C-alpha atoms as a PDB file:
ATOM      1  CA  UNK A   1      -4.098 -48.117  15.701  1.00  0.00           C
ATOM      2  CA  UNK A   2      -2.127 -46.728  18.497  1.00  0.00           C
ATOM      3  CA  UNK A   3       1.199 -45.928  16.552  1.00  0.00           C
ATOM      4  CA  UNK A   4      -0.585 -44.532  13.603  1.00  0.00           C
ATOM      5  CA  UNK A   5      -2.593 -42.139  15.786  1.00  0.00           C
ATOM      6  CA  UNK A   6       0.898 -41.294  17.410  1.00  0.00           C
ATOM      7  CA  UNK A   7       2.503 -40.376  14.442  1.00  0.00           C
ATOM      8  CA  UNK A   8      -0.969 -38.472  13.090  1.00  0.00           C
ATOM      9  CA  UNK A   9      -0.416 -36.428  16.084  1.00  0.00           C
ATOM     10  CA  UNK A  10       3.137 -35.775  15.808  1.00  0.00           C
ATOM     11  CA  UNK A  11       2.448 -34.764  12.210  1.00  0.00           C
ATOM     12  CA  UNK A  12      -0.233 -32.481  12.892  1.00  0.00           C
ATOM     13  CA  UNK A  13       0.428 -31.073  16.216  1.00  0.00           C
ATOM     14  CA  UNK A  14       3.138 -29.851  18.139  1.00  0.00           C
ATOM     15  CA  UNK A  15       2.697 -30.926  21.921  1.00  0.00           C
ATOM     16  CA  UNK A  16       5.409 -30.633  24.517  1.00  0.00           C
ATOM     17  CA  UNK A  17       6.321 -34.423  24.253  1.00  0.00           C
ATOM     18  CA  UNK A  18       6.417 -36.444  21.426  1.00  0.00           C
ATOM     19  CA  UNK A  19       3.278 -38.775  21.036  1.00  0.00           C
ATOM     20  CA  UNK A  20       5.519 -41.833  20.840  1.00  0.00           C
ATOM     21  CA  UNK A  21       6.394 -40.895  24.593  1.00  0.00           C
ATOM     22  CA  UNK A  22       3.043 -40.485  25.815  1.00  0.00           C
ATOM     23  CA  UNK A  23       0.659 -43.056  27.746  1.00  0.00           C
ATOM     24  CA  UNK A  24      -2.402 -43.720  25.743  1.00  0.00           C
ATOM     25  CA  UNK A  25      -4.639 -41.949  28.658  1.00  0.00           C
ATOM     26  CA  UNK A  26      -2.688 -38.969  28.539  1.00  0.00           C
ATOM     27  CA  UNK A  27      -4.225 -35.764  28.250  1.00  0.00           C
ATOM     28  CA  UNK A  28      -3.288 -33.986  25.142  1.00  0.00           C
ATOM     29  CA  UNK A  29      -4.882 -30.834  26.214  1.00  0.00           C
ATOM     30  CA  UNK A  30      -2.475 -30.767  28.829  1.00  0.00           C
ATOM     31  CA  UNK A  31       0.116 -30.867  26.611  1.00  0.00           C
ATOM     32  CA  UNK A  32      -0.507 -28.218  24.385  1.00  0.00           C
ATOM     33  CA  UNK A  33      -3.297 -29.141  22.439  1.00  0.00           C
ATOM     34  CA  UNK A  34      -5.638 -26.015  21.305  1.00  0.00           C
ATOM     35  CA  UNK A  35      -9.048 -25.912  19.731  1.00  0.00           C
ATOM     36  CA  UNK A  36      -7.723 -25.272  16.332  1.00  0.00           C
ATOM     37  CA  UNK A  37      -5.246 -28.287  16.539  1.00  0.00           C
ATOM     38  CA  UNK A  38      -8.201 -30.767  17.807  1.00  0.00           C
ATOM     39  CA  UNK A  39      -9.941 -30.246  14.362  1.00  0.00           C
ATOM     40  CA  UNK A  40      -6.978 -30.197  12.524  1.00  0.00           C
ATOM     41  CA  UNK A  41      -6.224 -33.504  14.193  1.00  0.00           C
ATOM     42  CA  UNK A  42      -9.791 -34.825  13.418  1.00  0.00           C
ATOM     43  CA  UNK A  43      -9.476 -34.295   9.554  1.00  0.00           C
ATOM     44  CA  UNK A  44      -6.307 -36.199   9.474  1.00  0.00           C
ATOM     45  CA  UNK A  45      -7.504 -39.160  11.563  1.00  0.00           C
ATOM     46  CA  UNK A  46     -10.632 -39.018   9.514  1.00  0.00           C
ATOM     47  CA  UNK A  47      -8.290 -38.981   6.054  1.00  0.00           C
ATOM     48  CA  UNK A  48      -5.812 -41.660   7.451  1.00  0.00           C
ATOM     49  CA  UNK A  49      -8.419 -44.080   8.935  1.00  0.00           C
ATOM     50  CA  UNK A  50     -10.838 -43.485   5.719  1.00  0.00           C
ATOM     51  CA  UNK A  51     -13.782 -42.868   8.374  1.00  0.00           C
ATOM     52  CA  UNK A  52     -16.079 -39.836   9.089  1.00  0.00           C
ATOM     53  CA  UNK A  53     -16.696 -39.433  12.729  1.00  0.00           C
ATOM     54  CA  UNK A  54     -20.354 -39.132  13.365  1.00  0.00           C
ATOM     55  CA  UNK A  55     -21.238 -35.326  14.363  1.00  0.00           C
ATOM     56  CA  UNK A  56     -21.791 -36.442  18.052  1.00  0.00           C
ATOM     57  CA  UNK A  57     -17.953 -37.856  18.203  1.00  0.00           C
ATOM     58  CA  UNK A  58     -17.050 -34.177  17.103  1.00  0.00           C
ATOM     59  CA  UNK A  59     -16.052 -33.094  20.693  1.00  0.00           C
ATOM     60  CA  UNK A  60     -13.486 -32.166  23.040  1.00  0.00           C
ATOM     61  CA  UNK A  61     -13.494 -35.748  24.856  1.00  0.00           C
ATOM     62  CA  UNK A  62     -13.211 -37.211  21.593  1.00  0.00           C
ATOM     63  CA  UNK A  63      -9.342 -35.889  21.047  1.00  0.00           C
ATOM     64  CA  UNK A  64      -8.588 -35.770  24.837  1.00  0.00           C
ATOM     65  CA  UNK A  65      -6.402 -38.663  24.541  1.00  0.00           C
ATOM     66  CA  UNK A  66      -4.894 -41.237  22.389  1.00  0.00           C
ATOM     67  CA  UNK A  67      -7.289 -43.711  23.884  1.00  0.00           C
ATOM     68  CA  UNK A  68     -10.102 -41.745  23.282  1.00  0.00           C
ATOM     69  CA  UNK A  69      -9.296 -41.087  19.396  1.00  0.00           C
ATOM     70  CA  UNK A  70      -8.621 -45.289  18.767  1.00  0.00           C
ATOM     71  CA  UNK A  71     -11.945 -45.647  20.748  1.00  0.00           C
ATOM     72  CA  UNK A  72     -13.898 -42.913  18.221  1.00  0.00           C
ATOM     73  CA  UNK A  73     -11.934 -44.645  15.283  1.00  0.00           C
ATOM     74  CA  UNK A  74     -13.151 -48.123  15.912  1.00  0.00           C
ATOM     75  CA  UNK A  75     -16.355 -47.185  16.534  1.00  0.00           C
ATOM     76  CA  UNK A  76     -16.865 -45.301  13.248  1.00  0.00           C
ATOM     77  CA  UNK A  77     -15.511 -48.283  11.445  1.00  0.00           C
ATOM     78  CA  UNK A  78     -18.237 -50.653  12.093  1.00  0.00           C
ATOM     79  CA  UNK A  79     -21.046 -47.634  11.175  1.00  0.00           C
ATOM     80  CA  UNK A  80     -18.960 -46.912   7.901  1.00  0.00           C
ATOM     81  CA  UNK A  81     -19.746 -51.092   6.844  1.00  0.00           C
ATOM     82  CA  UNK A  82     -23.250 -50.596   7.799  1.00  0.00           C
ATOM     83  CA  UNK A  83     -23.709 -47.527   5.498  1.00  0.00           C
ATOM     84  CA  UNK A  84     -21.903 -49.194   2.464  1.00  0.00           C
ATOM     85  CA  UNK A  85     -24.081 -52.181   2.660  1.00  0.00           C
ATOM     86  CA  UNK A  86     -27.116 -50.298   3.117  1.00  0.00           C
ATOM     87  CA  UNK A  87     -26.251 -48.389  -0.278  1.00  0.00           C
END
């Protein structure tokens, strides 16, 4: 999942360093991520992983690092499966 997120970051956002060279906990905002970039990144992540992040995850902390993005995607996946089962 980390490699996929790094690829998405490089496609959607122009950071000071390529995402492949970042540690999972590197601060994306310190590397140039703007609020607008964060929104674009969240939309791209949802599209790529076929998840819808809950409203409470749509905040600065969710896209602060590669690790926080991965955690949000992992948390959203079980919720998506539960929604499909309930329907």
